[in-house]
Amino acid sequence: MPAGAVDRALLLGSPLPALEGSSDKDARGAVLIIAGSREVPGAALLAATAALRVGAGKLQIATVASLAPHLALAMPEARVLALEETEKGEIDPRSVDRLIEDAGNAQAILVGPGMMEETGARALILALIERVEGASFVLDAAVITSLRDEPGSLRACEGRLAITPHAGEMATFLGLDRDAVEKDPAVAGLRAAEAIGGVVAMKGGRTFICEPGGSLWSCEGGGVGMATSGSGDVLAGVIAGLLARGAPALLAVQWGVFLHAEAGRRLSHRIGRIGYLARELTDELPHPLGEHTA
């Protein structure tokens, strides 16, 4: 199945929304990141840093109450919302009422990094989709797999949605064996895109970007070093940051996947093929972003 290449030529011909010299932070868009748990506290920080590194103007992070003060100190650029948490240290879905006003003021909402418990994740995302209008969504981790029995529920935000599964998450979401997804990730990605009415970044050594209707692009990965804990959280944050700036879902995913891979390529030359950390990816993001902007 032929796939268009996501490369410099494509990006120069499909630029991100311009940032005027006089733009303030409100003009650059607000992103709300709903993420983290007691066992995976750093995912929210990785995603949030990535969103700012690609130009989002305002940042809000919503996470479990036990983590919020620490995250606020680690990320002084953000407003941090402390949410009720379950006994297992996950975000309590009853916290959705606390989120509605802030979600309504955001251009992009990322839900999922660091969230591990599917039942609560499912209740939270369904409530947000039902009650928040206008914002674009990026879904990751347990939020994706929690909707395996009802992917069509995501069509409520058709045209404003991107998901970022790896092969295991996609296998769960589609009810397939992981081997089947890894054998033909493009087909799996296209099937999921059709089901949800949104853009799919089917992550792997070569990432496929899939749209409903069968449109397909691919981007060569940044190398084996990208297969490291937290790398996917960075990608999700990049896409959310670009959506906040006003990029449509497909454009945000194309640029996001490319910038993420390019950051990995740079680190592989500077540090080594393996051994660099996901948090180091975020420091590299502004460089390819500037170089590939006309």
Protein backbone atom coordinates (compact mmCIF):
# COMPACT_ATOMS: atom_id res chain seq x y z
CA MET A 1 0.00 0.00 0.00
CA PRO A 2 1.71 3.24 -1.13
CA ALA A 3 2.27 5.90 1.51
CA GLY A 4 3.26 9.50 1.03
CA ALA A 5 6.54 10.50 2.67
CA VAL A 6 6.51 12.90 5.60
CA ASP A 7 9.71 14.82 4.93
CA ARG A 8 11.06 18.34 4.60
CA ALA A 9 9.46 18.85 1.18
CA LEU A 10 6.02 17.91 2.48
CA LEU A 11 6.32 20.12 5.55
CA LEU A 12 7.54 23.17 3.65
CA GLY A 13 4.55 22.76 1.37
CA SER A 14 2.20 22.29 4.34
CA PRO A 15 3.27 24.94 6.86
CA LEU A 16 2.01 25.30 10.38
CA PRO A 17 -0.19 28.30 11.21
CA ALA A 18 2.02 31.38 11.23
CA LEU A 19 3.01 32.99 14.52
CA GLU A 20 2.94 36.74 14.07
CA GLY A 21 5.72 38.73 15.71
CA SER A 22 3.24 40.52 17.92
CA SER A 23 1.39 37.39 19.04
CA ASP A 24 0.94 36.93 22.75
CA LYS A 25 0.57 33.62 24.56
CA ASP A 26 -3.20 33.59 24.08
CA ALA A 27 -2.78 33.83 20.32
CA ARG A 28 -0.50 30.79 20.39
CA GLY A 29 -3.20 28.66 21.96
CA ALA A 30 -3.81 26.83 25.22
CA VAL A 31 -3.26 23.14 25.83
CA LEU A 32 -4.71 21.09 28.69
CA ILE A 33 -2.84 17.90 29.55
CA ILE A 34 -4.76 15.40 31.66
CA ALA A 35 -2.16 12.85 32.61
CA GLY A 36 -0.12 11.05 35.20
CA SER A 37 -0.73 8.66 38.07
CA ARG A 38 0.96 7.83 41.34
CA GLU A 39 3.06 5.13 39.65
CA VAL A 40 3.85 7.09 36.46
CA PRO A 41 4.23 10.71 37.56
CA GLY A 42 6.72 11.81 34.92
CA ALA A 43 4.57 11.25 31.85
CA ALA A 44 2.66 14.48 32.40
CA LEU A 45 5.91 16.43 32.69
CA LEU A 46 7.32 14.99 29.48
CA ALA A 47 4.16 15.72 27.48
CA ALA A 48 3.80 19.21 28.95
CA THR A 49 7.39 20.17 28.20
CA ALA A 50 7.04 18.95 24.62
CA ALA A 51 3.88 21.00 24.08
CA LEU A 52 5.65 24.21 25.09
CA ARG A 53 8.78 23.34 23.10
CA VAL A 54 6.77 23.38 19.86
CA GLY A 55 5.17 26.72 20.56
CA ALA A 56 1.95 26.34 22.54
CA GLY A 57 1.26 29.56 24.40
CA LYS A 58 -0.48 28.48 27.60
CA LEU A 59 -0.23 25.25 29.52
CA GLN A 60 -2.48 23.61 32.07
CA ILE A 61 -1.82 20.20 33.58
CA ALA A 62 -4.47 18.20 35.42
CA THR A 63 -3.17 15.31 37.48
CA VAL A 64 -3.70 13.41 40.73
CA ALA A 65 -3.66 15.51 43.89
CA SER A 66 -0.69 13.69 45.42
CA LEU A 67 1.45 14.57 42.40
CA ALA A 68 0.22 18.11 41.68
CA PRO A 69 2.47 20.11 44.07
CA HIS A 70 5.59 18.33 42.86
CA LEU A 71 4.63 18.81 39.22
CA ALA A 72 3.92 22.49 39.80
CA LEU A 73 7.46 22.96 41.12
CA ALA A 74 8.99 20.93 38.29
CA MET A 75 6.97 22.84 35.67
CA PRO A 76 6.71 26.47 36.81
CA GLU A 77 5.38 27.47 33.40
CA ALA A 78 2.13 25.56 33.99
CA ARG A 79 -1.04 26.00 35.93
CA VAL A 80 -1.49 22.66 37.69
CA LEU A 81 -4.90 21.34 38.70
CA ALA A 82 -5.06 18.83 41.56
CA LEU A 83 -7.69 16.16 40.90
CA GLU A 84 -9.24 13.58 43.16
CA GLU A 85 -7.55 10.22 42.88
CA THR A 86 -8.59 6.64 43.32
CA GLU A 87 -7.12 4.22 45.84
CA LYS A 88 -4.82 2.99 43.08
CA GLY A 89 -3.47 6.48 42.51
CA GLU A 90 -5.25 7.14 39.22
CA ILE A 91 -7.31 10.19 38.26
CA ASP A 92 -10.84 9.74 39.60
CA PRO A 93 -13.26 10.16 36.67
CA ARG A 94 -15.60 12.07 38.99
CA SER A 95 -13.09 14.89 38.67
CA VAL A 96 -14.52 15.71 35.26
CA ASP A 97 -16.69 18.46 36.74
CA ARG A 98 -13.51 20.17 37.95
CA LEU A 99 -12.12 20.04 34.43
CA ILE A 100 -14.98 21.28 32.28
CA GLU A 101 -14.35 25.02 32.50
CA ASP A 102 -10.62 24.66 31.90
CA ALA A 103 -11.18 22.20 29.07
CA GLY A 104 -13.61 24.62 27.44
CA ASN A 105 -10.88 27.29 27.37
CA ALA A 106 -8.30 25.02 25.72
CA GLN A 107 -7.73 24.63 22.01
CA ALA A 108 -6.17 21.19 22.51
CA ILE A 109 -6.67 18.52 25.17
CA LEU A 110 -4.29 15.60 25.64
CA VAL A 111 -5.60 12.72 27.74
CA GLY A 112 -3.76 9.56 28.71
CA PRO A 113 0.01 9.75 29.27
CA GLY A 114 0.87 7.90 32.46
CA MET A 115 -2.70 6.67 32.98
CA MET A 116 -2.86 2.90 33.47
CA GLU A 117 -6.35 1.99 34.68
CA GLU A 118 -8.83 1.57 31.83
CA THR A 119 -12.18 1.84 33.62
CA GLY A 120 -11.53 5.31 34.95
CA ALA A 121 -9.85 6.42 31.74
CA ARG A 122 -12.89 5.37 29.72
CA ALA A 123 -15.35 7.21 31.95
CA LEU A 124 -13.22 10.34 31.93
CA ILE A 125 -12.74 10.61 28.16
CA LEU A 126 -16.38 9.84 27.35
CA ALA A 127 -17.52 12.57 29.74
CA LEU A 128 -15.07 15.07 28.26
CA ILE A 129 -16.09 14.31 24.68
CA GLU A 130 -19.74 14.70 25.58
CA ARG A 131 -19.35 17.96 27.47
CA VAL A 132 -16.52 19.84 25.75
CA GLU A 133 -17.13 21.44 22.37
CA GLY A 134 -14.63 22.85 19.92
CA ALA A 135 -11.35 21.59 21.35
CA SER A 136 -9.16 19.08 19.56
CA PHE A 137 -8.22 15.87 21.39
CA VAL A 138 -5.10 13.71 21.49
CA LEU A 139 -5.56 10.31 23.15
CA ASP A 140 -2.80 8.03 24.39
CA ALA A 141 -2.16 4.93 26.49
CA ALA A 142 -5.04 3.49 28.58
CA VAL A 143 -7.50 5.98 27.12
CA ILE A 144 -7.10 4.29 23.74
CA THR A 145 -7.37 0.71 24.93
CA SER A 146 -10.30 1.52 27.22
CA LEU A 147 -12.47 2.19 24.16
CA ARG A 148 -11.80 -1.09 22.37
CA ASP A 149 -15.47 -2.12 22.59
CA GLU A 150 -16.84 1.22 21.40
CA PRO A 151 -14.42 3.01 19.05
CA GLY A 152 -17.35 4.75 17.37
CA SER A 153 -17.90 6.83 20.51
CA LEU A 154 -14.93 8.93 19.41
CA ARG A 155 -16.78 10.10 16.31
CA ALA A 156 -18.35 12.82 18.43
CA CYS A 157 -15.11 14.76 17.90
CA GLU A 158 -14.61 13.76 14.27
CA GLY A 159 -12.12 16.01 12.54
CA ARG A 160 -10.69 17.11 15.91
CA LEU A 161 -9.07 13.89 17.03
CA ALA A 162 -5.72 12.12 16.94
CA ILE A 163 -4.63 8.92 18.69
CA THR A 164 -1.05 7.73 19.17
CA PRO A 165 -0.98 3.95 19.81
CA HIS A 166 1.97 1.61 19.70
CA ALA A 167 1.49 -1.91 18.37
CA GLY A 168 0.35 -3.40 21.67
CA GLU A 169 -2.24 -0.70 22.27
CA MET A 170 -3.49 -0.96 18.71
CA ALA A 171 -3.82 -4.73 19.02
CA THR A 172 -5.96 -4.32 22.13
CA PHE A 173 -8.02 -1.55 20.55
CA LEU A 174 -8.81 -3.59 17.42
CA GLY A 175 -9.02 -6.99 19.12
CA LEU A 176 -6.08 -8.39 17.14
CA ASP A 177 -2.90 -10.24 18.00
CA ARG A 178 0.09 -7.95 18.36
CA ASP A 179 1.90 -9.97 15.69
CA ALA A 180 -0.84 -9.12 13.19
CA VAL A 181 -0.47 -5.40 13.87
CA GLU A 182 3.30 -5.54 13.62
CA LYS A 183 3.06 -7.47 10.35
CA ASP A 184 0.98 -4.73 8.69
CA PRO A 185 0.79 -1.62 10.87
CA ALA A 186 -0.52 0.54 8.04
CA VAL A 187 -3.61 -1.61 7.60
CA ALA A 188 -4.24 -1.59 11.34
CA GLY A 189 -3.85 2.18 11.46
CA LEU A 190 -6.23 2.74 8.57
CA ARG A 191 -8.81 0.46 10.14
CA ALA A 192 -8.63 2.40 13.39
CA ALA A 193 -8.80 5.77 11.62
CA GLU A 194 -11.99 4.69 9.87
CA ALA A 195 -13.51 3.48 13.13
CA ILE A 196 -12.86 6.66 15.10
CA GLY A 197 -13.18 9.26 12.35
CA GLY A 198 -9.80 10.70 13.30
CA VAL A 199 -6.09 10.65 12.55
CA VAL A 200 -3.95 7.76 13.78
CA ALA A 201 -0.21 7.91 14.40
CA MET A 202 0.63 4.20 14.28
CA LYS A 203 3.94 4.30 16.12
CA GLY A 204 6.89 2.09 15.27
CA GLY A 205 10.33 2.12 13.69
CA ARG A 206 8.49 3.60 10.75
CA THR A 207 5.41 5.52 11.86
CA PHE A 208 2.31 5.47 9.69
CA ILE A 209 -0.10 8.39 9.70
CA CYS A 210 -3.59 7.29 8.73
CA GLU A 211 -6.74 9.21 7.88
CA PRO A 212 -10.33 8.03 7.40
CA GLY A 213 -10.95 7.28 3.76
CA GLY A 214 -7.62 5.51 3.23
CA SER A 215 -5.11 8.38 3.04
CA LEU A 216 -1.73 7.19 4.28
CA TRP A 217 1.65 8.76 5.02
CA SER A 218 4.80 7.43 6.63
CA CYS A 219 7.80 8.84 8.44
CA GLU A 220 11.05 7.03 9.03
CA GLY A 221 11.78 6.84 12.74
CA GLY A 222 14.63 8.49 14.57
CA GLY A 223 16.42 5.21 15.19
CA VAL A 224 16.46 2.42 17.74
CA GLY A 225 17.12 4.84 20.58
CA MET A 226 13.56 6.17 20.26
CA ALA A 227 12.27 2.90 21.71
CA THR A 228 12.63 4.11 25.28
CA SER A 229 10.31 4.87 28.17
CA GLY A 230 8.58 8.22 27.81
CA SER A 231 9.22 8.71 24.10
CA GLY A 232 5.54 8.27 23.28
CA ASP A 233 4.57 10.82 25.94
CA VAL A 234 6.80 13.35 24.21
CA LEU A 235 5.17 12.66 20.84
CA ALA A 236 1.68 13.08 22.27
CA GLY A 237 2.70 16.39 23.82
CA VAL A 238 4.18 17.63 20.55
CA ILE A 239 0.97 16.89 18.67
CA ALA A 240 -1.13 18.57 21.36
CA GLY A 241 1.07 21.66 21.27
CA LEU A 242 0.73 21.96 17.50
CA LEU A 243 -3.04 21.53 17.72
CA ALA A 244 -3.15 24.32 20.30
CA ARG A 245 -1.38 26.57 17.80
CA GLY A 246 -4.23 25.99 15.38
CA ALA A 247 -2.95 23.19 13.17
CA PRO A 248 -5.62 20.78 11.87
CA ALA A 249 -5.33 17.24 13.17
CA LEU A 250 -3.61 15.74 10.13
CA LEU A 251 -1.08 18.56 9.87
CA ALA A 252 -0.34 18.43 13.61
CA VAL A 253 0.31 14.69 13.44
CA GLN A 254 2.49 14.93 10.33
CA TRP A 255 4.62 17.69 11.82
CA GLY A 256 4.61 16.08 15.25
CA VAL A 257 5.82 12.70 14.05
CA PHE A 258 8.54 14.31 11.94
CA LEU A 259 9.80 16.63 14.68
CA HIS A 260 9.84 13.76 17.19
CA ALA A 261 11.85 11.56 14.82
CA GLU A 262 14.21 14.39 13.92
CA ALA A 263 14.89 15.06 17.60
CA GLY A 264 15.85 11.40 17.97
CA ARG A 265 18.13 11.53 14.95
CA ARG A 266 19.95 14.52 16.39
CA LEU A 267 20.45 12.82 19.74
CA SER A 268 21.70 9.65 18.08
CA HIS A 269 24.47 11.68 16.44
CA ARG A 270 25.30 13.68 19.55
CA ILE A 271 24.99 11.00 22.25
CA GLY A 272 24.77 7.62 20.55
CA ARG A 273 22.31 5.28 18.86
CA ILE A 274 20.96 4.20 22.24
CA GLY A 275 21.14 5.61 25.73
CA TYR A 276 19.60 9.03 25.36
CA LEU A 277 16.51 9.79 27.43
CA ALA A 278 13.02 10.81 26.46
CA ARG A 279 13.35 14.07 28.38
CA GLU A 280 16.33 14.94 26.17
CA LEU A 281 14.09 14.77 23.11
CA THR A 282 12.19 17.83 24.30
CA ASP A 283 15.33 19.99 24.29
CA GLU A 284 15.96 19.13 20.66
CA LEU A 285 12.49 19.96 19.35
CA PRO A 286 12.91 23.71 18.70
CA HIS A 287 15.84 23.15 16.34
CA PRO A 288 14.11 21.08 13.61
CA LEU A 289 10.96 23.12 14.12
CA GLY A 290 12.85 26.27 13.15
CA GLU A 291 14.83 24.65 10.35
CA HIS A 292 11.77 23.17 8.65
CA THR A 293 9.63 26.26 8.87
CA ALA A 294 9.73 28.37 5.74
